[in-house]
Structures are given as C-alpha cells and as structure tokens.
Amino acid sequence: MKFCCPENYRIENDGDIGTLVYLNDTEYIAISIPKNGLTGVEQLHKNINSDDRIVALSDDLHVFAAHGEELLPFFKNNDIVEIALNLPDGTGIIANVFCDCGDTEIYDLLLVLLNSIADAPSLEALENWLRQEWIPYISS
C-alpha cells in the first residue's frame, strides 16, 4: 500500500503493526492492511469486539473512538481512534490514531494520509464526524 505523507514527519515500517507516521514523539498514526482476507470493516469489528462502540459512517467506513482510560489504565492520557476503510478494489485499510488527550492536530494529518489512499468524497463522512462529533467531545 502506498500513501503520500507531507514532509517533516517521521515514518517507520513496523511490520505487523503497519506503517507508523509520527506527529511527534508520543502521537502517531499506524496504517495497516488487514490479514487473512478481512476487509477493513471486518478487522475493526474483530479488533474492538463490541459493535455498540463502533460508528458506521457508511457501509465501507467505520470508526471507533475512546479516551484511553476507557480501554486500559496505561492509556489514561491518550485518545484513541481506529478507522476502518474498505477501498473499491477490495483492499481493507485500518488507521489507528494515538494522541494526547484533547489534542486535535493529528486529525488533519490523518485526513491527509487517508485522502492519499482513497478518494475524498468517500472520506467526507469521516471529516464531518471528526469536526462535528469527536473533536468537540474531546475538546470539552
């Protein structure tokens, strides 16, 4: 999988975790392709194992988001967002965002990365959800 990343970001290939794009030392996005023939949406539902915590923005775009302490105590200072995207060619994409609680800068980078993989209209629902739901929630 290829994607475009703006200059000045550190990028690391971390095998099974995927390709990591760092905003800074503690905040990053991990982009990966599911294994075992799963779509991105199927992989997200397998990862989270709780459909009531996943938001379906479209048939091919689902999102999970949480303050880290809702998941595990050692994530108490983090916000975590996991995006599942099924591309028209059948490829699944998972993008995991790990950032400091309330920080919103990383979501612009997320949109840039995903827009280089998928067409912008299919990601409009994600951008709207981020701007209208998630960012106001973590900023309050």
N, C-alpha and C. Protein backbone atom coordinates (compact mmCIF):
# COMPACT_ATOMS: atom_id res chain seq x y z
N MET A 1 0.85 -1.17 0.00
CA MET A 1 0.00 0.00 0.00
C MET A 1 0.89 1.23 0.00
N LYS A 2 0.53 2.17 -0.81
CA LYS A 2 1.28 3.43 -0.87
C LYS A 2 0.36 4.57 -0.48
N PHE A 3 0.95 5.51 0.23
CA PHE A 3 0.23 6.73 0.57
C PHE A 3 1.23 7.86 0.58
N CYS A 4 0.72 9.06 0.46
CA CYS A 4 1.57 10.24 0.47
C CYS A 4 1.55 10.86 1.86
N CYS A 5 2.72 11.25 2.30
CA CYS A 5 2.85 11.87 3.61
C CYS A 5 3.58 13.20 3.43
N PRO A 6 3.05 14.24 4.05
CA PRO A 6 3.76 15.52 3.98
C PRO A 6 5.18 15.39 4.54
N GLU A 7 6.06 16.23 4.07
CA GLU A 7 7.44 16.22 4.57
C GLU A 7 7.47 16.55 6.06
N ASN A 8 8.59 16.25 6.68
CA ASN A 8 8.86 16.57 8.08
C ASN A 8 8.18 15.66 9.09
N TYR A 9 7.61 14.55 8.64
CA TYR A 9 7.06 13.58 9.57
C TYR A 9 7.93 12.34 9.55
N ARG A 10 8.17 11.78 10.72
CA ARG A 10 8.95 10.55 10.80
C ARG A 10 8.05 9.38 10.44
N ILE A 11 8.56 8.52 9.56
CA ILE A 11 7.80 7.35 9.11
C ILE A 11 8.62 6.11 9.41
N GLU A 12 7.96 5.10 10.00
CA GLU A 12 8.62 3.83 10.30
C GLU A 12 7.73 2.68 9.85
N ASN A 13 8.34 1.66 9.26
CA ASN A 13 7.61 0.44 8.95
C ASN A 13 7.79 -0.48 10.14
N ASP A 14 6.67 -0.85 10.78
CA ASP A 14 6.74 -1.66 11.99
C ASP A 14 6.06 -3.01 11.78
N GLY A 15 6.31 -3.64 10.64
CA GLY A 15 5.83 -4.99 10.38
C GLY A 15 4.35 -5.16 10.58
N ASP A 16 3.97 -6.01 11.55
CA ASP A 16 2.56 -6.33 11.78
C ASP A 16 1.72 -5.13 12.20
N ILE A 17 2.33 -4.18 12.89
CA ILE A 17 1.58 -3.00 13.32
C ILE A 17 1.24 -2.13 12.13
N GLY A 18 2.10 -2.09 11.14
CA GLY A 18 1.86 -1.30 9.94
C GLY A 18 2.91 -0.22 9.79
N THR A 19 2.57 0.77 9.02
CA THR A 19 3.43 1.91 8.81
C THR A 19 3.02 2.99 9.80
N LEU A 20 3.99 3.46 10.56
CA LEU A 20 3.74 4.48 11.58
C LEU A 20 4.17 5.84 11.06
N VAL A 21 3.30 6.82 11.21
CA VAL A 21 3.61 8.20 10.85
C VAL A 21 3.48 9.02 12.12
N TYR A 22 4.60 9.59 12.55
CA TYR A 22 4.67 10.30 13.82
C TYR A 22 4.43 11.79 13.64
N LEU A 23 3.50 12.32 14.44
CA LEU A 23 3.30 13.76 14.53
C LEU A 23 4.40 14.34 15.43
N ASN A 24 4.70 13.61 16.50
CA ASN A 24 5.78 13.96 17.44
C ASN A 24 6.18 12.67 18.16
N ASP A 25 6.90 12.77 19.24
CA ASP A 25 7.39 11.55 19.92
C ASP A 25 6.30 10.69 20.53
N THR A 26 5.15 11.25 20.86
CA THR A 26 4.10 10.49 21.55
C THR A 26 2.82 10.30 20.74
N GLU A 27 2.69 10.99 19.63
CA GLU A 27 1.45 10.93 18.85
C GLU A 27 1.75 10.41 17.45
N TYR A 28 0.97 9.41 17.03
CA TYR A 28 1.23 8.82 15.73
C TYR A 28 -0.01 8.16 15.16
N ILE A 29 0.08 7.83 13.88
CA ILE A 29 -0.95 7.10 13.16
C ILE A 29 -0.30 5.83 12.62
N ALA A 30 -0.94 4.70 12.85
CA ALA A 30 -0.48 3.42 12.32
C ALA A 30 -1.46 3.01 11.22
N ILE A 31 -0.93 2.80 10.01
CA ILE A 31 -1.77 2.40 8.89
C ILE A 31 -1.38 0.98 8.48
N SER A 32 -2.39 0.11 8.37
CA SER A 32 -2.11 -1.28 8.03
C SER A 32 -3.22 -1.84 7.14
N ILE A 33 -2.90 -2.97 6.54
CA ILE A 33 -3.86 -3.74 5.74
C ILE A 33 -4.18 -5.01 6.52
N PRO A 34 -5.46 -5.29 6.75
CA PRO A 34 -5.82 -6.50 7.49
C PRO A 34 -5.30 -7.76 6.81
N LYS A 35 -5.04 -8.77 7.63
CA LYS A 35 -4.58 -10.06 7.11
C LYS A 35 -5.76 -11.03 7.04
N ASN A 36 -5.49 -12.20 6.53
CA ASN A 36 -6.47 -13.28 6.45
C ASN A 36 -7.69 -12.94 5.61
N GLY A 37 -7.53 -12.03 4.64
CA GLY A 37 -8.61 -11.71 3.72
C GLY A 37 -9.73 -10.88 4.31
N LEU A 38 -9.54 -10.32 5.49
CA LEU A 38 -10.58 -9.49 6.10
C LEU A 38 -10.61 -8.12 5.46
N THR A 39 -11.80 -7.55 5.38
CA THR A 39 -11.92 -6.16 4.95
C THR A 39 -11.52 -5.28 6.13
N GLY A 40 -11.38 -4.00 5.89
CA GLY A 40 -11.08 -3.08 6.98
C GLY A 40 -12.18 -3.08 8.02
N VAL A 41 -13.44 -3.06 7.56
CA VAL A 41 -14.58 -3.04 8.48
C VAL A 41 -14.63 -4.32 9.30
N GLU A 42 -14.41 -5.46 8.66
CA GLU A 42 -14.40 -6.72 9.41
C GLU A 42 -13.29 -6.74 10.46
N GLN A 43 -12.11 -6.24 10.08
CA GLN A 43 -10.99 -6.21 11.02
C GLN A 43 -11.29 -5.31 12.21
N LEU A 44 -11.88 -4.16 11.96
CA LEU A 44 -12.23 -3.25 13.06
C LEU A 44 -13.17 -3.93 14.04
N HIS A 45 -14.20 -4.56 13.53
CA HIS A 45 -15.17 -5.23 14.40
C HIS A 45 -14.50 -6.37 15.17
N LYS A 46 -13.57 -7.06 14.55
CA LYS A 46 -12.82 -8.11 15.25
C LYS A 46 -11.93 -7.50 16.34
N ASN A 47 -11.25 -6.39 16.01
CA ASN A 47 -10.36 -5.73 16.97
C ASN A 47 -11.11 -5.22 18.19
N ILE A 48 -12.25 -4.61 17.98
CA ILE A 48 -12.98 -3.95 19.06
C ILE A 48 -13.88 -4.93 19.80
N ASN A 49 -14.48 -5.85 19.08
CA ASN A 49 -15.32 -6.89 19.68
C ASN A 49 -16.48 -6.32 20.50
N SER A 50 -16.99 -5.18 20.04
CA SER A 50 -18.14 -4.55 20.69
C SER A 50 -18.79 -3.60 19.68
N ASP A 51 -19.76 -4.11 18.95
CA ASP A 51 -20.38 -3.32 17.88
C ASP A 51 -21.03 -2.03 18.37
N ASP A 52 -21.45 -1.99 19.62
CA ASP A 52 -22.12 -0.79 20.11
C ASP A 52 -21.16 0.39 20.28
N ARG A 53 -19.87 0.16 20.21
CA ARG A 53 -18.88 1.25 20.33
C ARG A 53 -18.35 1.70 18.98
N ILE A 54 -18.85 1.10 17.90
CA ILE A 54 -18.38 1.42 16.55
C ILE A 54 -19.46 2.22 15.83
N VAL A 55 -19.02 3.29 15.17
CA VAL A 55 -19.93 4.13 14.40
C VAL A 55 -19.74 3.80 12.92
N ALA A 56 -20.83 3.44 12.26
CA ALA A 56 -20.80 3.18 10.81
C ALA A 56 -21.11 4.49 10.10
N LEU A 57 -20.09 5.07 9.49
CA LEU A 57 -20.28 6.32 8.75
C LEU A 57 -20.80 6.04 7.35
N SER A 58 -20.51 4.85 6.84
CA SER A 58 -21.05 4.33 5.59
C SER A 58 -20.81 2.82 5.62
N ASP A 59 -21.25 2.12 4.59
CA ASP A 59 -21.00 0.67 4.55
C ASP A 59 -19.52 0.35 4.57
N ASP A 60 -18.71 1.22 4.00
CA ASP A 60 -17.28 0.96 3.84
C ASP A 60 -16.39 1.81 4.73
N LEU A 61 -16.95 2.51 5.70
CA LEU A 61 -16.19 3.39 6.57
C LEU A 61 -16.77 3.35 7.98
N HIS A 62 -16.05 2.71 8.90
CA HIS A 62 -16.49 2.60 10.29
C HIS A 62 -15.42 3.18 11.20
N VAL A 63 -15.84 3.67 12.36
CA VAL A 63 -14.93 4.34 13.29
C VAL A 63 -15.20 3.88 14.72
N PHE A 64 -14.12 3.72 15.46
CA PHE A 64 -14.16 3.50 16.90
C PHE A 64 -13.33 4.61 17.52
N ALA A 65 -13.81 5.18 18.63
CA ALA A 65 -13.05 6.22 19.30
C ALA A 65 -13.28 6.13 20.81
N ALA A 66 -12.22 6.42 21.57
CA ALA A 66 -12.34 6.37 23.02
C ALA A 66 -11.22 7.17 23.66
N HIS A 67 -11.52 7.70 24.84
CA HIS A 67 -10.45 8.17 25.70
C HIS A 67 -9.75 6.93 26.21
N GLY A 68 -8.45 6.95 26.25
CA GLY A 68 -7.69 5.76 26.58
C GLY A 68 -8.04 5.09 27.88
N GLU A 69 -8.37 5.88 28.90
CA GLU A 69 -8.69 5.26 30.19
C GLU A 69 -9.94 4.40 30.12
N GLU A 70 -10.78 4.59 29.11
CA GLU A 70 -11.95 3.75 28.92
C GLU A 70 -11.53 2.34 28.50
N LEU A 71 -10.31 2.21 27.96
CA LEU A 71 -9.83 0.92 27.47
C LEU A 71 -8.89 0.24 28.46
N LEU A 72 -7.81 0.92 28.78
CA LEU A 72 -6.79 0.37 29.68
C LEU A 72 -6.19 1.52 30.50
N PRO A 73 -5.87 1.27 31.76
CA PRO A 73 -5.34 2.35 32.61
C PRO A 73 -4.09 3.03 32.06
N PHE A 74 -3.20 2.27 31.39
CA PHE A 74 -1.97 2.90 30.92
C PHE A 74 -2.18 3.81 29.72
N PHE A 75 -3.39 3.86 29.16
CA PHE A 75 -3.72 4.78 28.07
C PHE A 75 -4.46 6.01 28.61
N LYS A 76 -4.41 6.25 29.93
CA LYS A 76 -5.25 7.28 30.54
C LYS A 76 -5.02 8.68 29.99
N ASN A 77 -3.88 8.94 29.41
CA ASN A 77 -3.59 10.27 28.88
C ASN A 77 -3.71 10.34 27.36
N ASN A 78 -4.36 9.35 26.77
CA ASN A 78 -4.44 9.27 25.32
C ASN A 78 -5.88 9.22 24.83
N ASP A 79 -6.06 9.70 23.62
CA ASP A 79 -7.28 9.46 22.85
C ASP A 79 -6.90 8.46 21.77
N ILE A 80 -7.81 7.55 21.49
CA ILE A 80 -7.54 6.51 20.51
C ILE A 80 -8.70 6.48 19.52
N VAL A 81 -8.38 6.53 18.25
CA VAL A 81 -9.37 6.45 17.19
C VAL A 81 -8.90 5.39 16.22
N GLU A 82 -9.80 4.49 15.85
CA GLU A 82 -9.47 3.46 14.86
C GLU A 82 -10.47 3.57 13.72
N ILE A 83 -9.95 3.74 12.51
CA ILE A 83 -10.77 3.91 11.33
C ILE A 83 -10.61 2.69 10.44
N ALA A 84 -11.73 2.16 9.97
CA ALA A 84 -11.72 1.05 9.01
C ALA A 84 -12.27 1.57 7.69
N LEU A 85 -11.55 1.28 6.63
CA LEU A 85 -11.94 1.75 5.31
C LEU A 85 -11.82 0.59 4.33
N ASN A 86 -12.89 0.33 3.59
CA ASN A 86 -12.86 -0.66 2.52
C ASN A 86 -12.75 0.10 1.20
N LEU A 87 -11.69 -0.15 0.47
CA LEU A 87 -11.49 0.52 -0.82
C LEU A 87 -12.28 -0.20 -1.91
N PRO A 88 -12.60 0.49 -3.01
CA PRO A 88 -13.38 -0.13 -4.09
C PRO A 88 -12.73 -1.38 -4.68
N ASP A 89 -11.41 -1.49 -4.63
CA ASP A 89 -10.75 -2.67 -5.19
C ASP A 89 -10.75 -3.86 -4.23
N GLY A 90 -11.40 -3.70 -3.06
CA GLY A 90 -11.48 -4.78 -2.09
C GLY A 90 -10.45 -4.72 -0.99
N THR A 91 -9.47 -3.85 -1.12
CA THR A 91 -8.44 -3.70 -0.09
C THR A 91 -9.04 -3.07 1.15
N GLY A 92 -8.68 -3.60 2.31
CA GLY A 92 -9.10 -3.01 3.57
C GLY A 92 -7.96 -2.21 4.16
N ILE A 93 -8.29 -1.13 4.82
CA ILE A 93 -7.31 -0.27 5.48
C ILE A 93 -7.76 -0.06 6.92
N ILE A 94 -6.80 -0.13 7.83
CA ILE A 94 -7.04 0.24 9.23
C ILE A 94 -6.07 1.37 9.55
N ALA A 95 -6.60 2.44 10.10
CA ALA A 95 -5.77 3.56 10.56
C ALA A 95 -6.04 3.76 12.04
N ASN A 96 -5.01 3.57 12.85
CA ASN A 96 -5.10 3.77 14.30
C ASN A 96 -4.42 5.07 14.67
N VAL A 97 -5.13 5.91 15.38
CA VAL A 97 -4.60 7.19 15.84
C VAL A 97 -4.39 7.11 17.35
N PHE A 98 -3.19 7.43 17.79
CA PHE A 98 -2.87 7.51 19.21
C PHE A 98 -2.35 8.92 19.46
N CYS A 99 -3.05 9.67 20.31
CA CYS A 99 -2.62 11.04 20.57
C CYS A 99 -2.90 11.42 22.01
N ASP A 100 -2.30 12.53 22.43
CA ASP A 100 -2.53 13.04 23.78
C ASP A 100 -3.99 13.47 23.91
N CYS A 101 -4.56 13.27 25.09
CA CYS A 101 -5.95 13.63 25.34
C CYS A 101 -6.23 15.08 24.92
N GLY A 102 -7.26 15.23 24.12
CA GLY A 102 -7.70 16.56 23.72
C GLY A 102 -6.92 17.19 22.60
N ASP A 103 -5.81 16.59 22.18
CA ASP A 103 -5.04 17.16 21.08
C ASP A 103 -5.76 16.86 19.77
N THR A 104 -5.85 17.84 18.91
CA THR A 104 -6.60 17.65 17.67
C THR A 104 -5.74 17.78 16.41
N GLU A 105 -4.50 18.19 16.55
CA GLU A 105 -3.64 18.43 15.39
C GLU A 105 -3.47 17.17 14.53
N ILE A 106 -3.44 16.01 15.15
CA ILE A 106 -3.17 14.78 14.43
C ILE A 106 -4.28 14.42 13.43
N TYR A 107 -5.48 14.92 13.65
CA TYR A 107 -6.59 14.56 12.76
C TYR A 107 -6.45 15.19 11.38
N ASP A 108 -5.80 16.33 11.30
CA ASP A 108 -5.51 16.90 9.98
C ASP A 108 -4.54 15.99 9.22
N LEU A 109 -3.52 15.49 9.92
CA LEU A 109 -2.58 14.56 9.30
C LEU A 109 -3.30 13.27 8.88
N LEU A 110 -4.18 12.77 9.72
CA LEU A 110 -4.96 11.58 9.38
C LEU A 110 -5.71 11.77 8.07
N LEU A 111 -6.39 12.90 7.92
CA LEU A 111 -7.15 13.15 6.70
C LEU A 111 -6.25 13.25 5.48
N VAL A 112 -5.10 13.86 5.63
CA VAL A 112 -4.15 13.96 4.51
C VAL A 112 -3.71 12.55 4.09
N LEU A 113 -3.35 11.72 5.06
CA LEU A 113 -2.90 10.36 4.74
C LEU A 113 -4.00 9.55 4.07
N LEU A 114 -5.20 9.57 4.65
CA LEU A 114 -6.29 8.77 4.09
C LEU A 114 -6.75 9.30 2.73
N ASN A 115 -6.71 10.60 2.54
CA ASN A 115 -7.08 11.16 1.24
C ASN A 115 -6.08 10.79 0.16
N SER A 116 -4.86 10.44 0.53
CA SER A 116 -3.89 10.00 -0.47
C SER A 116 -4.11 8.53 -0.84
N ILE A 117 -4.91 7.81 -0.04
CA ILE A 117 -5.22 6.41 -0.30
C ILE A 117 -6.57 6.26 -0.99
N ALA A 118 -7.56 7.01 -0.54
CA ALA A 118 -8.93 6.90 -1.03
C ALA A 118 -9.37 8.23 -1.62
N ASP A 119 -10.46 8.19 -2.37
CA ASP A 119 -10.96 9.43 -2.95
C ASP A 119 -11.65 10.26 -1.87
N ALA A 120 -11.53 11.56 -2.00
CA ALA A 120 -12.03 12.49 -1.00
C ALA A 120 -13.52 12.34 -0.70
N PRO A 121 -14.40 12.14 -1.68
CA PRO A 121 -15.82 12.02 -1.33
C PRO A 121 -16.12 10.89 -0.35
N SER A 122 -15.39 9.78 -0.44
CA SER A 122 -15.66 8.67 0.47
C SER A 122 -15.22 8.99 1.90
N LEU A 123 -14.35 9.98 2.06
CA LEU A 123 -13.86 10.35 3.39
C LEU A 123 -14.56 11.57 3.97
N GLU A 124 -15.49 12.13 3.22
CA GLU A 124 -16.21 13.31 3.69
C GLU A 124 -16.96 13.01 4.99
N ALA A 125 -17.53 11.82 5.10
CA ALA A 125 -18.25 11.45 6.32
C ALA A 125 -17.31 11.40 7.51
N LEU A 126 -16.08 10.93 7.31
CA LEU A 126 -15.10 10.89 8.40
C LEU A 126 -14.74 12.30 8.83
N GLU A 127 -14.47 13.16 7.89
CA GLU A 127 -14.12 14.54 8.23
C GLU A 127 -15.27 15.21 8.98
N ASN A 128 -16.51 15.00 8.52
CA ASN A 128 -17.66 15.58 9.22
C ASN A 128 -17.78 15.03 10.64
N TRP A 129 -17.60 13.72 10.79
CA TRP A 129 -17.68 13.10 12.13
C TRP A 129 -16.60 13.67 13.05
N LEU A 130 -15.38 13.79 12.54
CA LEU A 130 -14.30 14.35 13.35
C LEU A 130 -14.65 15.77 13.79
N ARG A 131 -15.07 16.61 12.85
CA ARG A 131 -15.30 18.03 13.13
C ARG A 131 -16.56 18.27 13.97
N GLN A 132 -17.60 17.46 13.74
CA GLN A 132 -18.88 17.71 14.41
C GLN A 132 -19.09 16.88 15.68
N GLU A 133 -18.43 15.71 15.77
CA GLU A 133 -18.67 14.83 16.91
C GLU A 133 -17.42 14.67 17.80
N TRP A 134 -16.37 14.11 17.23
CA TRP A 134 -15.23 13.70 18.04
C TRP A 134 -14.44 14.89 18.60
N ILE A 135 -14.05 15.82 17.76
CA ILE A 135 -13.25 16.94 18.23
C ILE A 135 -14.00 17.79 19.27
N PRO A 136 -15.27 18.12 19.07
CA PRO A 136 -15.98 18.82 20.14
C PRO A 136 -16.06 18.01 21.44
N TYR A 137 -16.21 16.69 21.32
CA TYR A 137 -16.28 15.84 22.52
C TYR A 137 -14.96 15.85 23.29
N ILE A 138 -13.84 15.70 22.61
CA ILE A 138 -12.55 15.66 23.33
C ILE A 138 -12.07 17.05 23.75
N SER A 139 -12.65 18.08 23.15
CA SER A 139 -12.25 19.45 23.48
C SER A 139 -13.04 20.05 24.62
N SER A 140 -14.11 19.37 25.02
CA SER A 140 -14.97 19.94 26.07
C SER A 140 -14.46 19.61 27.47
